[in-house]
Amino acid sequence: MMSTSYRHLTINEREKIMILLAQGKKQAEIAKALGRSSST
């Protein structure tokens, strides 16, 4: 059985997401900027 490791978003990542959302960025663009999956 494969084990998947999950990581919570850090405070810095959350702040960056809020800034990018305010700039009108799309979910996929934000995920790419953070180096995360767009489903995170």
N, C-alpha and C. Protein backbone atom coordinates (compact mmCIF):
# COMPACT_ATOMS: atom_id res chain seq x y z
N MET A 1 0.84 -1.17 0.00
CA MET A 1 0.00 0.00 0.00
C MET A 1 0.90 1.24 0.00
N MET A 2 0.55 2.21 -0.85
CA MET A 2 1.36 3.42 -0.94
C MET A 2 0.90 4.43 0.10
N SER A 3 1.86 5.07 0.71
CA SER A 3 1.56 6.08 1.72
C SER A 3 1.78 7.46 1.12
N THR A 4 0.82 8.35 1.32
CA THR A 4 0.93 9.71 0.82
C THR A 4 1.15 10.64 1.99
N SER A 5 2.13 11.53 1.85
CA SER A 5 2.43 12.48 2.91
C SER A 5 1.76 13.82 2.59
N TYR A 6 1.05 14.36 3.57
CA TYR A 6 0.36 15.63 3.38
C TYR A 6 0.99 16.68 4.27
N ARG A 7 0.96 17.92 3.80
CA ARG A 7 1.49 19.05 4.56
C ARG A 7 0.46 20.15 4.59
N HIS A 8 0.24 20.73 5.74
CA HIS A 8 -0.67 21.87 5.83
C HIS A 8 -0.02 23.09 5.20
N LEU A 9 -0.85 24.03 4.78
CA LEU A 9 -0.32 25.29 4.27
C LEU A 9 0.26 26.09 5.43
N THR A 10 1.39 26.74 5.18
CA THR A 10 1.99 27.58 6.21
C THR A 10 1.29 28.94 6.22
N ILE A 11 1.55 29.70 7.26
CA ILE A 11 0.99 31.05 7.35
C ILE A 11 1.46 31.88 6.16
N ASN A 12 2.73 31.76 5.80
CA ASN A 12 3.26 32.52 4.65
C ASN A 12 2.55 32.13 3.36
N GLU A 13 2.29 30.84 3.17
CA GLU A 13 1.58 30.39 1.98
C GLU A 13 0.16 30.94 1.95
N ARG A 14 -0.49 30.94 3.11
CA ARG A 14 -1.86 31.47 3.19
C ARG A 14 -1.89 32.96 2.85
N GLU A 15 -0.90 33.70 3.35
CA GLU A 15 -0.82 35.14 3.06
C GLU A 15 -0.60 35.37 1.57
N LYS A 16 0.28 34.57 0.97
CA LYS A 16 0.55 34.70 -0.46
C LYS A 16 -0.70 34.39 -1.27
N ILE A 17 -1.46 33.38 -0.85
CA ILE A 17 -2.71 33.03 -1.53
C ILE A 17 -3.68 34.20 -1.48
N MET A 18 -3.81 34.84 -0.32
CA MET A 18 -4.73 35.98 -0.19
C MET A 18 -4.31 37.12 -1.12
N ILE A 19 -3.02 37.38 -1.20
CA ILE A 19 -2.52 38.45 -2.07
C ILE A 19 -2.80 38.11 -3.53
N LEU A 20 -2.50 36.88 -3.93
CA LEU A 20 -2.71 36.48 -5.33
C LEU A 20 -4.19 36.46 -5.69
N LEU A 21 -5.05 36.05 -4.77
CA LEU A 21 -6.49 36.09 -5.02
C LEU A 21 -6.96 37.53 -5.20
N ALA A 22 -6.43 38.44 -4.38
CA ALA A 22 -6.80 39.86 -4.48
C ALA A 22 -6.35 40.44 -5.82
N GLN A 23 -5.30 39.86 -6.40
CA GLN A 23 -4.80 40.31 -7.70
C GLN A 23 -5.57 39.67 -8.85
N GLY A 24 -6.53 38.80 -8.51
CA GLY A 24 -7.35 38.17 -9.53
C GLY A 24 -6.74 36.94 -10.17
N LYS A 25 -5.74 36.35 -9.51
CA LYS A 25 -5.10 35.15 -10.05
C LYS A 25 -6.04 33.95 -9.93
N LYS A 26 -5.90 33.02 -10.85
CA LYS A 26 -6.70 31.80 -10.84
C LYS A 26 -6.06 30.75 -9.94
N GLN A 27 -6.88 29.79 -9.52
CA GLN A 27 -6.41 28.74 -8.62
C GLN A 27 -5.18 28.02 -9.16
N ALA A 28 -5.17 27.69 -10.44
CA ALA A 28 -4.03 26.98 -11.03
C ALA A 28 -2.77 27.84 -11.01
N GLU A 29 -2.92 29.14 -11.22
CA GLU A 29 -1.77 30.05 -11.20
C GLU A 29 -1.19 30.16 -9.79
N ILE A 30 -2.07 30.21 -8.81
CA ILE A 30 -1.63 30.30 -7.42
C ILE A 30 -0.90 29.02 -7.02
N ALA A 31 -1.46 27.89 -7.39
CA ALA A 31 -0.84 26.60 -7.06
C ALA A 31 0.55 26.51 -7.67
N LYS A 32 0.69 26.95 -8.91
CA LYS A 32 1.99 26.91 -9.58
C LYS A 32 2.99 27.81 -8.87
N ALA A 33 2.54 29.00 -8.46
CA ALA A 33 3.41 29.95 -7.76
C ALA A 33 3.89 29.39 -6.42
N LEU A 34 3.04 28.58 -5.78
CA LEU A 34 3.39 28.00 -4.48
C LEU A 34 4.09 26.65 -4.61
N GLY A 35 4.08 26.09 -5.81
CA GLY A 35 4.66 24.76 -6.00
C GLY A 35 3.80 23.69 -5.36
N ARG A 36 2.48 23.90 -5.38
CA ARG A 36 1.52 22.97 -4.78
C ARG A 36 0.54 22.49 -5.83
N SER A 37 -0.17 21.43 -5.48
CA SER A 37 -1.25 20.93 -6.33
C SER A 37 -2.39 21.94 -6.30
N SER A 38 -3.07 22.10 -7.42
CA SER A 38 -4.19 23.05 -7.45
C SER A 38 -5.38 22.55 -6.64
N SER A 39 -5.35 21.30 -6.21
CA SER A 39 -6.44 20.78 -5.39
C SER A 39 -6.20 21.00 -3.90
N THR A 40 -5.07 21.61 -3.56
CA THR A 40 -4.74 21.85 -2.15
C THR A 40 -5.63 22.91 -1.56
